[in-house]
Amino acid sequence: MWEMIRHAWEGWVGINLSGKYMALVILLLVYLWIGKVGYTIREEQKRILLYATVLVPLCICPLTAALLMGYQTRFYDYPWIWSMVPVTALIAMGGTVLLIRMRRDERLPRVWQQGLLAAVLVALLWLSGGLGSQEQQLSREKADYRATQLIVAELQRDNNALCIWAPTTVQGYVRIIDPQIQVPYGRNMWDTSLNAYFYDTYDEDSMMLYEAMDCAQNTAHFTDVEVLDLAIGKGVTHMVLPGYVAYEDVWNISQGLGAEIMQLQGYYVIPLQ
């Protein structure tokens, strides 16, 4: 459940980085409920407003968003729960009401009305853009891909039959770089939207491996050394840990296995076999 809540929070952040439609919807809800000058909200419009006013906070709060994702059987990623909110209808309603109020407001000269309308349209265009955030995301993905390329190239010098167990920032690119490399679980383990048309589930050992690596990636500690036997049993040849994981934990792993610690591209790499 905690994983779903974390995914919901990251989804809310991500959906706002790629565009500002949700901020616009919240702004329009406030405007439509509070603004009363020059236009009366009709009864059928109030129903849509009430429905959206209740549902929008449920989609924003990580706990209730996680419950909504569970309601959708976890097959769809976070942005899909917003399909329950009439986003397009709210934006259209808000724009229409705004234009009606502007035209009925006799206190504003026509020149000011046109200028205000132009400012509103520019603001909508600005709110709908990603403001460069997609470039930053692509830059991070390219950096992760390049780092994985160099790690794989280094490991393939001594061993062509590789099975790599790594954080999502590495394991997501391993088989893209070389399909011959094995991994203990696939990308759909952490990106549940990829499970939309598949009903196979991972065994308990694979789940334990993922949870141990996810814990290391998010807490900077790896203490569940018992899962190393599971990894070895699944044929994992190399374990990769983020470079910010506590060195004491990495040292304990290497000593228990009698293996040498390698540092590659900001990651710790430990041979398991």
C-alpha atoms as a PDB file:
ATOM      1  CA  MET A   1       0.000   0.000   0.000  1.00  0.00           C
ATOM      2  CA  TRP A   2       2.861   2.358   0.815  1.00  0.00           C
ATOM      3  CA  GLU A   3       4.262   1.775  -2.670  1.00  0.00           C
ATOM      4  CA  MET A   4       0.915   2.811  -4.176  1.00  0.00           C
ATOM      5  CA  ILE A   5       0.820   5.973  -2.041  1.00  0.00           C
ATOM      6  CA  ARG A   6       4.366   6.891  -3.073  1.00  0.00           C
ATOM      7  CA  HIS A   7       3.484   6.241  -6.711  1.00  0.00           C
ATOM      8  CA  ALA A   8       0.394   8.480  -6.356  1.00  0.00           C
ATOM      9  CA  TRP A   9       2.488  11.317  -4.920  1.00  0.00           C
ATOM     10  CA  GLU A  10       5.105  10.997  -7.657  1.00  0.00           C
ATOM     11  CA  GLY A  11       2.280  10.874 -10.220  1.00  0.00           C
ATOM     12  CA  TRP A  12       0.801  14.153  -8.958  1.00  0.00           C
ATOM     13  CA  VAL A  13       4.212  15.830  -9.168  1.00  0.00           C
ATOM     14  CA  GLY A  14       4.857  14.379 -12.617  1.00  0.00           C
ATOM     15  CA  ILE A  15       1.481  15.330 -14.061  1.00  0.00           C
ATOM     16  CA  ASN A  16       2.077  18.953 -13.036  1.00  0.00           C
ATOM     17  CA  LEU A  17       5.585  18.989 -14.469  1.00  0.00           C
ATOM     18  CA  SER A  18       4.308  17.987 -17.907  1.00  0.00           C
ATOM     19  CA  GLY A  19       1.485  20.569 -17.923  1.00  0.00           C
ATOM     20  CA  LYS A  20      -0.570  22.866 -15.710  1.00  0.00           C
ATOM     21  CA  TYR A  21      -4.070  21.708 -16.581  1.00  0.00           C
ATOM     22  CA  MET A  22      -4.748  20.515 -13.026  1.00  0.00           C
ATOM     23  CA  ALA A  23      -3.732  23.899 -11.600  1.00  0.00           C
ATOM     24  CA  LEU A  24      -6.087  25.497 -14.126  1.00  0.00           C
ATOM     25  CA  VAL A  25      -8.941  23.190 -13.069  1.00  0.00           C
ATOM     26  CA  ILE A  26      -8.453  24.097  -9.398  1.00  0.00           C
ATOM     27  CA  LEU A  27      -8.348  27.805 -10.286  1.00  0.00           C
ATOM     28  CA  LEU A  28     -11.552  27.491 -12.319  1.00  0.00           C
ATOM     29  CA  LEU A  29     -13.336  25.654  -9.496  1.00  0.00           C
ATOM     30  CA  VAL A  30     -12.531  28.487  -7.114  1.00  0.00           C
ATOM     31  CA  TYR A  31     -13.585  31.065  -9.722  1.00  0.00           C
ATOM     32  CA  LEU A  32     -16.875  29.339 -10.545  1.00  0.00           C
ATOM     33  CA  TRP A  33     -17.863  28.889  -6.891  1.00  0.00           C
ATOM     34  CA  ILE A  34     -16.811  32.306  -5.609  1.00  0.00           C
ATOM     35  CA  GLY A  35     -17.389  34.615  -8.578  1.00  0.00           C
ATOM     36  CA  LYS A  36     -21.042  35.690  -8.628  1.00  0.00           C
ATOM     37  CA  VAL A  37     -20.947  38.930 -10.598  1.00  0.00           C
ATOM     38  CA  GLY A  38     -22.841  39.159 -13.880  1.00  0.00           C
ATOM     39  CA  TYR A  39     -23.725  35.483 -14.300  1.00  0.00           C
ATOM     40  CA  THR A  40     -25.711  32.976 -12.258  1.00  0.00           C
ATOM     41  CA  ILE A  41     -24.531  29.357 -12.183  1.00  0.00           C
ATOM     42  CA  ARG A  42     -27.345  27.123 -13.385  1.00  0.00           C
ATOM     43  CA  GLU A  43     -28.546  24.086 -11.450  1.00  0.00           C
ATOM     44  CA  GLU A  44     -27.160  21.538 -13.941  1.00  0.00           C
ATOM     45  CA  GLN A  45     -23.813  23.354 -13.901  1.00  0.00           C
ATOM     46  CA  LYS A  46     -23.739  23.197 -10.103  1.00  0.00           C
ATOM     47  CA  ARG A  47     -24.005  19.405 -10.276  1.00  0.00           C
ATOM     48  CA  ILE A  48     -20.848  19.187 -12.391  1.00  0.00           C
ATOM     49  CA  LEU A  49     -19.099  21.658 -10.096  1.00  0.00           C
ATOM     50  CA  LEU A  50     -20.091  19.711  -6.982  1.00  0.00           C
ATOM     51  CA  TYR A  51     -18.978  16.420  -8.523  1.00  0.00           C
ATOM     52  CA  ALA A  52     -15.617  17.880  -9.575  1.00  0.00           C
ATOM     53  CA  THR A  53     -15.129  19.684  -6.246  1.00  0.00           C
ATOM     54  CA  VAL A  54     -15.462  16.388  -4.398  1.00  0.00           C
ATOM     55  CA  LEU A  55     -13.381  14.324  -6.823  1.00  0.00           C
ATOM     56  CA  VAL A  56     -10.438  16.700  -7.408  1.00  0.00           C
ATOM     57  CA  PRO A  57      -9.185  16.561  -3.767  1.00  0.00           C
ATOM     58  CA  LEU A  58      -9.560  12.761  -3.836  1.00  0.00           C
ATOM     59  CA  CYS A  59      -7.284  12.616  -6.905  1.00  0.00           C
ATOM     60  CA  ILE A  60      -4.717  14.939  -5.312  1.00  0.00           C
ATOM     61  CA  CYS A  61      -4.434  13.366  -1.849  1.00  0.00           C
ATOM     62  CA  PRO A  62      -1.920  10.462  -2.147  1.00  0.00           C
ATOM     63  CA  LEU A  63      -3.933   8.150   0.138  1.00  0.00           C
ATOM     64  CA  THR A  64      -7.269   8.522  -1.656  1.00  0.00           C
ATOM     65  CA  ALA A  65      -5.490   8.607  -5.050  1.00  0.00           C
ATOM     66  CA  ALA A  66      -3.907   5.241  -4.203  1.00  0.00           C
ATOM     67  CA  LEU A  67      -7.362   3.867  -3.352  1.00  0.00           C
ATOM     68  CA  LEU A  68      -8.708   5.121  -6.689  1.00  0.00           C
ATOM     69  CA  MET A  69      -5.769   3.479  -8.475  1.00  0.00           C
ATOM     70  CA  GLY A  70      -6.606   0.251  -6.645  1.00  0.00           C
ATOM     71  CA  TYR A  71     -10.227   0.648  -7.716  1.00  0.00           C
ATOM     72  CA  GLN A  72      -8.974   0.697 -11.302  1.00  0.00           C
ATOM     73  CA  THR A  73      -7.328  -2.693 -10.570  1.00  0.00           C
ATOM     74  CA  ARG A  74      -3.826  -1.121 -10.626  1.00  0.00           C
ATOM     75  CA  PHE A  75      -3.559  -1.694 -14.365  1.00  0.00           C
ATOM     76  CA  TYR A  76      -3.437   2.017 -15.136  1.00  0.00           C
ATOM     77  CA  ASP A  77      -0.954   4.673 -14.142  1.00  0.00           C
ATOM     78  CA  TYR A  78      -1.787   7.667 -11.913  1.00  0.00           C
ATOM     79  CA  PRO A  79      -2.890  10.123 -14.663  1.00  0.00           C
ATOM     80  CA  TRP A  80      -5.728   7.776 -15.623  1.00  0.00           C
ATOM     81  CA  ILE A  81      -7.657   8.423 -12.397  1.00  0.00           C
ATOM     82  CA  TRP A  82      -8.132  11.995 -13.665  1.00  0.00           C
ATOM     83  CA  SER A  83     -10.320  10.563 -16.419  1.00  0.00           C
ATOM     84  CA  MET A  84     -13.055  10.516 -13.745  1.00  0.00           C
ATOM     85  CA  VAL A  85     -12.829  14.313 -13.466  1.00  0.00           C
ATOM     86  CA  PRO A  86     -14.590  16.320 -16.241  1.00  0.00           C
ATOM     87  CA  VAL A  87     -11.447  18.386 -16.884  1.00  0.00           C
ATOM     88  CA  THR A  88     -12.346  19.469 -20.431  1.00  0.00           C
ATOM     89  CA  ALA A  89     -15.921  20.330 -19.447  1.00  0.00           C
ATOM     90  CA  LEU A  90     -14.731  22.447 -16.512  1.00  0.00           C
ATOM     91  CA  ILE A  91     -12.246  24.381 -18.632  1.00  0.00           C
ATOM     92  CA  ALA A  92     -14.903  24.994 -21.308  1.00  0.00           C
ATOM     93  CA  MET A  93     -17.461  26.051 -18.686  1.00  0.00           C
ATOM     94  CA  GLY A  94     -15.025  28.366 -16.938  1.00  0.00           C
ATOM     95  CA  GLY A  95     -13.962  30.000 -20.195  1.00  0.00           C
ATOM     96  CA  THR A  96     -17.571  30.480 -21.272  1.00  0.00           C
ATOM     97  CA  VAL A  97     -18.638  31.968 -17.941  1.00  0.00           C
ATOM     98  CA  LEU A  98     -15.625  34.282 -17.954  1.00  0.00           C
ATOM     99  CA  LEU A  99     -16.442  35.591 -21.447  1.00  0.00           C
ATOM    100  CA  ILE A 100     -20.121  36.138 -20.529  1.00  0.00           C
ATOM    101  CA  ARG A 101     -19.175  38.057 -17.393  1.00  0.00           C
ATOM    102  CA  MET A 102     -16.702  40.188 -19.327  1.00  0.00           C
ATOM    103  CA  ARG A 103     -19.288  41.065 -21.991  1.00  0.00           C
ATOM    104  CA  ARG A 104     -21.919  41.957 -19.374  1.00  0.00           C
ATOM    105  CA  ASP A 105     -19.577  44.073 -17.311  1.00  0.00           C
ATOM    106  CA  GLU A 106     -20.348  47.560 -18.600  1.00  0.00           C
ATOM    107  CA  ARG A 107     -17.723  49.094 -16.323  1.00  0.00           C
ATOM    108  CA  LEU A 108     -14.947  47.809 -18.585  1.00  0.00           C
ATOM    109  CA  PRO A 109     -14.379  49.650 -21.894  1.00  0.00           C
ATOM    110  CA  ARG A 110     -14.320  47.394 -24.941  1.00  0.00           C
ATOM    111  CA  VAL A 111     -10.557  47.938 -25.385  1.00  0.00           C
ATOM    112  CA  TRP A 112      -9.961  46.742 -21.830  1.00  0.00           C
ATOM    113  CA  GLN A 113     -12.204  43.724 -22.428  1.00  0.00           C
ATOM    114  CA  GLN A 114     -10.168  42.730 -25.472  1.00  0.00           C
ATOM    115  CA  GLY A 115      -6.904  43.248 -23.608  1.00  0.00           C
ATOM    116  CA  LEU A 116      -8.134  41.198 -20.664  1.00  0.00           C
ATOM    117  CA  LEU A 117      -9.305  38.426 -22.994  1.00  0.00           C
ATOM    118  CA  ALA A 118      -5.862  38.351 -24.660  1.00  0.00           C
ATOM    119  CA  ALA A 119      -4.196  38.155 -21.229  1.00  0.00           C
ATOM    120  CA  VAL A 120      -6.455  35.261 -20.234  1.00  0.00           C
ATOM    121  CA  LEU A 121      -5.628  33.356 -23.443  1.00  0.00           C
ATOM    122  CA  VAL A 122      -1.888  33.900 -22.905  1.00  0.00           C
ATOM    123  CA  ALA A 123      -2.254  32.686 -19.308  1.00  0.00           C
ATOM    124  CA  LEU A 124      -4.057  29.551 -20.513  1.00  0.00           C
ATOM    125  CA  LEU A 125      -1.290  28.883 -23.028  1.00  0.00           C
ATOM    126  CA  TRP A 126       1.335  29.331 -20.305  1.00  0.00           C
ATOM    127  CA  LEU A 127      -0.499  27.057 -17.875  1.00  0.00           C
ATOM    128  CA  SER A 128      -0.783  24.326 -20.499  1.00  0.00           C
ATOM    129  CA  GLY A 129       2.961  24.171 -21.194  1.00  0.00           C
ATOM    130  CA  GLY A 130       5.603  22.035 -19.540  1.00  0.00           C
ATOM    131  CA  LEU A 131       7.919  25.016 -18.962  1.00  0.00           C
ATOM    132  CA  GLY A 132      10.963  22.990 -19.973  1.00  0.00           C
ATOM    133  CA  SER A 133      10.394  20.163 -17.475  1.00  0.00           C
ATOM    134  CA  GLN A 134      10.243  17.527 -20.199  1.00  0.00           C
ATOM    135  CA  GLU A 135      13.713  18.520 -21.327  1.00  0.00           C
ATOM    136  CA  GLN A 136      15.017  17.979 -17.811  1.00  0.00           C
ATOM    137  CA  GLN A 137      13.363  14.567 -17.648  1.00  0.00           C
ATOM    138  CA  LEU A 138      14.801  13.560 -21.013  1.00  0.00           C
ATOM    139  CA  SER A 139      18.222  14.729 -19.872  1.00  0.00           C
ATOM    140  CA  ARG A 140      18.015  12.528 -16.762  1.00  0.00           C
ATOM    141  CA  GLU A 141      16.868   9.546 -18.817  1.00  0.00           C
ATOM    142  CA  LYS A 142      19.743  10.011 -21.264  1.00  0.00           C
ATOM    143  CA  ALA A 143      22.200  10.201 -18.371  1.00  0.00           C
ATOM    144  CA  ASP A 144      20.782   6.997 -16.835  1.00  0.00           C
ATOM    145  CA  TYR A 145      20.894   5.227 -20.196  1.00  0.00           C
ATOM    146  CA  ARG A 146      24.494   6.295 -20.816  1.00  0.00           C
ATOM    147  CA  ALA A 147      25.560   5.196 -17.322  1.00  0.00           C
ATOM    148  CA  THR A 148      23.908   1.796 -17.869  1.00  0.00           C
ATOM    149  CA  GLN A 149      25.684   1.441 -21.223  1.00  0.00           C
ATOM    150  CA  LEU A 150      29.072   1.970 -19.593  1.00  0.00           C
ATOM    151  CA  ILE A 151      28.294  -0.415 -16.712  1.00  0.00           C
ATOM    152  CA  VAL A 152      27.176  -3.145 -19.114  1.00  0.00           C
ATOM    153  CA  ALA A 153      30.224  -2.641 -21.340  1.00  0.00           C
ATOM    154  CA  GLU A 154      32.542  -2.970 -18.333  1.00  0.00           C
ATOM    155  CA  LEU A 155      30.861  -6.126 -17.033  1.00  0.00           C
ATOM    156  CA  GLN A 156      30.785  -7.779 -20.469  1.00  0.00           C
ATOM    157  CA  ARG A 157      34.577  -7.665 -20.631  1.00  0.00           C
ATOM    158  CA  ASP A 158      34.805 -10.584 -18.199  1.00  0.00           C
ATOM    159  CA  ASN A 159      31.425 -12.273 -18.530  1.00  0.00           C
ATOM    160  CA  ASN A 160      29.025 -12.505 -21.473  1.00  0.00           C
ATOM    161  CA  ALA A 161      26.349 -14.470 -19.581  1.00  0.00           C
ATOM    162  CA  LEU A 162      25.116 -11.668 -17.352  1.00  0.00           C
ATOM    163  CA  CYS A 163      22.117 -11.460 -15.056  1.00  0.00           C
ATOM    164  CA  ILE A 164      21.967  -7.990 -13.500  1.00  0.00           C
ATOM    165  CA  TRP A 165      19.927  -7.031 -10.440  1.00  0.00           C
ATOM    166  CA  ALA A 166      19.856  -3.252 -10.166  1.00  0.00           C
ATOM    167  CA  PRO A 167      17.839  -0.132  -9.264  1.00  0.00           C
ATOM    168  CA  THR A 168      15.126   0.986 -11.668  1.00  0.00           C
ATOM    169  CA  THR A 169      17.439   3.698 -13.063  1.00  0.00           C
ATOM    170  CA  VAL A 170      19.702   0.933 -14.423  1.00  0.00           C
ATOM    171  CA  GLN A 171      17.598  -2.195 -14.784  1.00  0.00           C
ATOM    172  CA  GLY A 172      15.044  -0.416 -16.971  1.00  0.00           C
ATOM    173  CA  TYR A 173      17.687   0.007 -19.695  1.00  0.00           C
ATOM    174  CA  VAL A 174      19.711  -3.205 -19.376  1.00  0.00           C
ATOM    175  CA  ARG A 175      17.755  -5.311 -21.861  1.00  0.00           C
ATOM    176  CA  ILE A 176      17.293  -2.359 -24.214  1.00  0.00           C
ATOM    177  CA  ILE A 177      21.076  -2.174 -24.465  1.00  0.00           C
ATOM    178  CA  ASP A 178      21.554  -5.937 -24.812  1.00  0.00           C
ATOM    179  CA  PRO A 179      18.567  -8.339 -24.980  1.00  0.00           C
ATOM    180  CA  GLN A 180      20.887 -11.247 -24.127  1.00  0.00           C
ATOM    181  CA  ILE A 181      21.339  -9.953 -20.569  1.00  0.00           C
ATOM    182  CA  GLN A 182      18.984 -11.478 -18.012  1.00  0.00           C
ATOM    183  CA  VAL A 183      17.186  -9.655 -15.188  1.00  0.00           C
ATOM    184  CA  PRO A 184      15.381 -11.158 -12.149  1.00  0.00           C
ATOM    185  CA  TYR A 185      12.159  -9.219 -12.920  1.00  0.00           C
ATOM    186  CA  GLY A 186      10.881  -6.930 -15.632  1.00  0.00           C
ATOM    187  CA  ARG A 187      10.072  -3.245 -15.846  1.00  0.00           C
ATOM    188  CA  ASN A 188       6.395  -3.943 -15.255  1.00  0.00           C
ATOM    189  CA  MET A 189       7.304  -4.693 -11.621  1.00  0.00           C
ATOM    190  CA  TRP A 190       7.554  -0.953 -10.871  1.00  0.00           C
ATOM    191  CA  ASP A 191       5.616   0.483 -13.826  1.00  0.00           C
ATOM    192  CA  THR A 192       2.241  -1.139 -13.203  1.00  0.00           C
ATOM    193  CA  SER A 193       0.665   0.545 -16.238  1.00  0.00           C
ATOM    194  CA  LEU A 194       2.534  -2.025 -18.370  1.00  0.00           C
ATOM    195  CA  ASN A 195       0.413  -4.784 -16.781  1.00  0.00           C
ATOM    196  CA  ALA A 196      -2.794  -3.601 -18.451  1.00  0.00           C
ATOM    197  CA  TYR A 197      -3.022  -6.615 -20.766  1.00  0.00           C
ATOM    198  CA  PHE A 198      -1.079  -9.187 -18.756  1.00  0.00           C
ATOM    199  CA  TYR A 199      -2.328 -11.256 -15.871  1.00  0.00           C
ATOM    200  CA  ASP A 200       0.799 -13.221 -14.938  1.00  0.00           C
ATOM    201  CA  THR A 201       2.196 -12.415 -11.509  1.00  0.00           C
ATOM    202  CA  TYR A 202       5.701 -12.616 -10.093  1.00  0.00           C
ATOM    203  CA  ASP A 203       6.608 -15.252  -7.548  1.00  0.00           C
ATOM    204  CA  GLU A 204       7.285 -14.316  -3.939  1.00  0.00           C
ATOM    205  CA  ASP A 205      11.084 -14.500  -4.358  1.00  0.00           C
ATOM    206  CA  SER A 206      11.025 -11.959  -7.195  1.00  0.00           C
ATOM    207  CA  MET A 207       8.838  -9.658  -5.130  1.00  0.00           C
ATOM    208  CA  MET A 208      11.291  -9.873  -2.226  1.00  0.00           C
ATOM    209  CA  LEU A 209      14.202  -9.003  -4.530  1.00  0.00           C
ATOM    210  CA  TYR A 210      12.373  -5.979  -5.893  1.00  0.00           C
ATOM    211  CA  GLU A 211      11.332  -4.762  -2.426  1.00  0.00           C
ATOM    212  CA  ALA A 212      14.905  -5.073  -1.124  1.00  0.00           C
ATOM    213  CA  MET A 213      16.323  -3.103  -4.063  1.00  0.00           C
ATOM    214  CA  ASP A 214      13.521  -0.526  -3.884  1.00  0.00           C
ATOM    215  CA  CYS A 215      14.260  -0.043  -0.182  1.00  0.00           C
ATOM    216  CA  ALA A 216      17.951   0.534  -0.966  1.00  0.00           C
ATOM    217  CA  GLN A 217      17.038   3.011  -3.696  1.00  0.00           C
ATOM    218  CA  ASN A 218      14.732   5.029  -1.433  1.00  0.00           C
ATOM    219  CA  THR A 219      16.346   4.737   2.011  1.00  0.00           C
ATOM    220  CA  ALA A 220      20.076   4.505   1.133  1.00  0.00           C
ATOM    221  CA  HIS A 221      20.371   1.294   3.157  1.00  0.00           C
ATOM    222  CA  PHE A 222      20.551  -2.388   2.235  1.00  0.00           C
ATOM    223  CA  THR A 223      20.204  -4.589   5.293  1.00  0.00           C
ATOM    224  CA  ASP A 224      18.147  -7.543   4.052  1.00  0.00           C
ATOM    225  CA  VAL A 225      21.162  -9.737   3.263  1.00  0.00           C
ATOM    226  CA  GLU A 226      18.991 -12.876   3.300  1.00  0.00           C
ATOM    227  CA  VAL A 227      17.661 -12.020  -0.142  1.00  0.00           C
ATOM    228  CA  LEU A 228      21.162 -12.423  -1.575  1.00  0.00           C
ATOM    229  CA  ASP A 229      20.691 -16.210  -1.502  1.00  0.00           C
ATOM    230  CA  LEU A 230      17.465 -15.746  -3.495  1.00  0.00           C
ATOM    231  CA  ALA A 231      19.326 -13.623  -6.029  1.00  0.00           C
ATOM    232  CA  ILE A 232      22.078 -16.224  -6.380  1.00  0.00           C
ATOM    233  CA  GLY A 233      19.447 -18.934  -6.759  1.00  0.00           C
ATOM    234  CA  LYS A 234      17.868 -16.981  -9.615  1.00  0.00           C
ATOM    235  CA  GLY A 235      21.196 -16.818 -11.388  1.00  0.00           C
ATOM    236  CA  VAL A 236      22.023 -13.159 -10.692  1.00  0.00           C
ATOM    237  CA  THR A 237      25.685 -12.580 -11.570  1.00  0.00           C
ATOM    238  CA  HIS A 238      25.996  -8.927 -10.507  1.00  0.00           C
ATOM    239  CA  MET A 239      24.237  -6.744  -7.979  1.00  0.00           C
ATOM    240  CA  VAL A 240      24.168  -2.984  -8.596  1.00  0.00           C
ATOM    241  CA  LEU A 241      23.464  -0.500  -5.790  1.00  0.00           C
ATOM    242  CA  PRO A 242      23.141   3.304  -5.955  1.00  0.00           C
ATOM    243  CA  GLY A 243      26.312   5.134  -4.972  1.00  0.00           C
ATOM    244  CA  TYR A 244      24.524   6.877  -2.087  1.00  0.00           C
ATOM    245  CA  VAL A 245      23.801   3.614  -0.250  1.00  0.00           C
ATOM    246  CA  ALA A 246      25.653   3.477   3.083  1.00  0.00           C
ATOM    247  CA  TYR A 247      29.143   2.119   2.409  1.00  0.00           C
ATOM    248  CA  GLU A 248      28.971   0.047   5.598  1.00  0.00           C
ATOM    249  CA  ASP A 249      26.045  -1.916   4.135  1.00  0.00           C
ATOM    250  CA  VAL A 250      27.892  -2.417   0.836  1.00  0.00           C
ATOM    251  CA  TRP A 251      31.017  -3.523   2.728  1.00  0.00           C
ATOM    252  CA  ASN A 252      29.045  -6.078   4.774  1.00  0.00           C
ATOM    253  CA  ILE A 253      27.590  -7.551   1.577  1.00  0.00           C
ATOM    254  CA  SER A 254      30.996  -7.866  -0.071  1.00  0.00           C
ATOM    255  CA  GLN A 255      32.540  -9.423   3.030  1.00  0.00           C
ATOM    256  CA  GLY A 256      29.721 -11.949   3.368  1.00  0.00           C
ATOM    257  CA  LEU A 257      30.138 -12.983  -0.264  1.00  0.00           C
ATOM    258  CA  GLY A 258      33.894 -12.671  -0.392  1.00  0.00           C
ATOM    259  CA  ALA A 259      33.505 -10.433  -3.441  1.00  0.00           C
ATOM    260  CA  GLU A 260      35.230  -7.263  -4.563  1.00  0.00           C
ATOM    261  CA  ILE A 261      33.375  -3.959  -4.683  1.00  0.00           C
ATOM    262  CA  MET A 262      33.491  -2.110  -8.008  1.00  0.00           C
ATOM    263  CA  GLN A 263      32.493   1.525  -8.414  1.00  0.00           C
ATOM    264  CA  LEU A 264      31.114   2.299 -11.875  1.00  0.00           C
ATOM    265  CA  GLN A 265      29.311   5.444 -13.030  1.00  0.00           C
ATOM    266  CA  GLY A 266      28.220   6.398  -9.519  1.00  0.00           C
ATOM    267  CA  TYR A 267      27.032   2.887  -8.613  1.00  0.00           C
ATOM    268  CA  TYR A 268      28.417   0.045  -6.501  1.00  0.00           C
ATOM    269  CA  VAL A 269      28.681  -3.224  -8.422  1.00  0.00           C
ATOM    270  CA  ILE A 270      29.180  -6.498  -6.519  1.00  0.00           C
ATOM    271  CA  PRO A 271      29.677  -9.868  -8.269  1.00  0.00           C
ATOM    272  CA  LEU A 272      27.449 -12.563  -6.771  1.00  0.00           C
ATOM    273  CA  GLN A 273      28.788 -15.499  -8.781  1.00  0.00           C
END
